[in-house]
Amino acid sequence: MGGLVGESWFGRLNQCYSAGRVIGYGYVGGLVGRGISGNATASFWDAQTSGQTKSGGGTGKTTAQMQMAQTFLDAGWDFAGETANGGDDLWWINEGQGYPHLWWEAAAE
């Protein structure tokens, strides 16, 4: 059981995250339950809300870190309003109030 992927051996995860509680038995992880540790780049899980301190991929962060744009900008995520990581403006965040969202989800907020 993983917060996003249960088991990953050959696939790659890039710029994704998990923030929900993760429970299970056997191979359990914050983002990836079981997999090759290098299979998740620029990907994170909330170690506090998930209840998990390890994962088969990705990097664990605190809830506060997960709700800061800088955590994701440092990993190369392309946020609206910045150009250092690209001009596609794929993500946005309500800093300190929630997790990143895809740009098109802003209309639903």
Protein backbone atom coordinates (compact mmCIF):
# COMPACT_ATOMS: atom_id res chain seq x y z
CA MET A 1 0.00 0.00 0.00
CA GLY A 2 1.28 3.41 -0.93
CA GLY A 3 -0.17 6.87 -0.74
CA LEU A 4 -0.16 7.07 -4.53
CA VAL A 5 1.22 3.80 -5.92
CA GLY A 6 1.10 0.37 -4.33
CA GLU A 7 3.98 -1.17 -6.26
CA SER A 8 6.28 0.30 -8.91
CA TRP A 9 9.28 -1.41 -10.48
CA PHE A 10 9.64 -0.12 -14.01
CA GLY A 11 7.42 2.95 -14.15
CA ARG A 12 8.54 6.43 -13.25
CA LEU A 13 6.77 9.00 -11.12
CA ASN A 14 7.63 12.64 -11.70
CA GLN A 15 6.30 15.70 -9.90
CA CYS A 16 3.50 14.11 -7.91
CA TYR A 17 2.52 13.95 -4.26
CA SER A 18 0.37 12.19 -1.70
CA ALA A 19 -1.17 13.74 1.39
CA GLY A 20 -3.63 11.15 2.71
CA ARG A 21 -3.41 8.59 5.49
CA VAL A 22 -1.75 5.34 4.43
CA ILE A 23 -2.48 2.12 6.28
CA GLY A 24 -1.84 -1.48 5.38
CA TYR A 25 0.43 -4.40 6.01
CA GLY A 26 3.53 -5.77 4.32
CA TYR A 27 5.07 -3.19 2.02
CA VAL A 28 3.65 0.17 3.06
CA GLY A 29 5.02 3.59 2.15
CA GLY A 30 4.07 7.24 2.14
CA LEU A 31 4.11 7.62 -1.66
CA VAL A 32 5.09 4.18 -3.00
CA GLY A 33 4.41 0.98 -1.09
CA ARG A 34 7.10 -1.06 -2.77
CA GLY A 35 9.44 -0.19 -5.57
CA ILE A 36 12.82 0.94 -6.73
CA SER A 37 13.81 3.96 -4.65
CA GLY A 38 14.90 6.00 -7.70
CA ASN A 39 11.57 5.63 -9.48
CA ALA A 40 10.05 8.84 -8.08
CA THR A 41 11.70 12.15 -8.93
CA ALA A 42 10.60 15.53 -7.59
CA SER A 43 7.80 13.68 -5.76
CA PHE A 44 6.73 13.96 -2.13
CA TRP A 45 4.45 12.62 0.55
CA ASP A 46 3.17 14.23 3.74
CA ALA A 47 4.86 12.21 6.47
CA GLN A 48 2.55 13.61 9.14
CA THR A 49 -0.85 13.00 7.55
CA SER A 50 0.20 9.68 5.99
CA GLY A 51 1.56 8.28 9.23
CA GLN A 52 4.48 6.87 7.23
CA THR A 53 8.18 7.59 7.74
CA LYS A 54 9.40 5.66 4.71
CA SER A 55 8.44 4.96 1.13
CA GLY A 56 9.55 2.98 -1.90
CA GLY A 57 10.14 6.33 -3.64
CA GLY A 58 9.83 10.06 -3.17
CA THR A 59 10.70 12.30 -0.24
CA GLY A 60 8.76 12.70 2.98
CA LYS A 61 7.97 16.25 4.14
CA THR A 62 6.08 17.82 7.02
CA THR A 63 2.60 19.23 6.45
CA ALA A 64 4.02 22.76 6.66
CA GLN A 65 6.63 21.96 3.99
CA MET A 66 3.98 20.36 1.78
CA GLN A 67 1.96 23.58 1.91
CA MET A 68 4.87 25.81 0.85
CA ALA A 69 5.45 26.56 -2.82
CA GLN A 70 9.22 26.63 -2.27
CA THR A 71 9.29 22.88 -1.51
CA PHE A 72 8.00 22.19 -5.00
CA LEU A 73 9.76 25.05 -6.78
CA ASP A 74 13.10 23.75 -5.49
CA ALA A 75 12.26 20.41 -7.14
CA GLY A 76 11.51 22.06 -10.50
CA TRP A 77 7.71 22.14 -10.43
CA ASP A 78 6.24 24.73 -12.81
CA PHE A 79 3.97 27.02 -10.77
CA ALA A 80 1.78 29.83 -12.05
CA GLY A 81 3.50 33.18 -11.69
CA GLU A 82 7.08 31.92 -11.95
CA THR A 83 9.24 31.37 -15.01
CA ALA A 84 12.39 29.74 -13.61
CA ASN A 85 10.82 26.26 -13.93
CA GLY A 86 8.99 26.93 -17.19
CA GLY A 87 6.17 29.02 -18.52
CA ASP A 88 3.40 26.44 -18.72
CA ASP A 89 2.03 27.33 -15.25
CA LEU A 90 0.97 23.77 -14.43
CA TRP A 91 0.49 24.17 -10.67
CA TRP A 92 -0.75 26.69 -8.11
CA ILE A 93 -0.92 26.66 -4.31
CA ASN A 94 -2.75 28.55 -1.59
CA GLU A 95 0.41 29.00 0.46
CA GLY A 96 0.11 27.65 4.01
CA GLN A 97 -3.54 26.68 3.50
CA GLY A 98 -3.36 23.59 1.29
CA TYR A 99 -1.47 21.40 -1.09
CA PRO A 100 -0.61 22.13 -4.75
CA HIS A 101 -3.37 21.93 -7.33
CA LEU A 102 -3.27 21.73 -11.09
CA TRP A 103 -3.87 25.19 -12.58
CA TRP A 104 -7.27 24.29 -14.00
CA GLU A 105 -8.52 23.40 -10.52
CA ALA A 106 -8.26 27.06 -9.46
CA ALA A 107 -11.71 27.75 -10.89
CA ALA A 108 -13.22 25.19 -8.50
CA GLU A 109 -11.77 26.86 -5.38
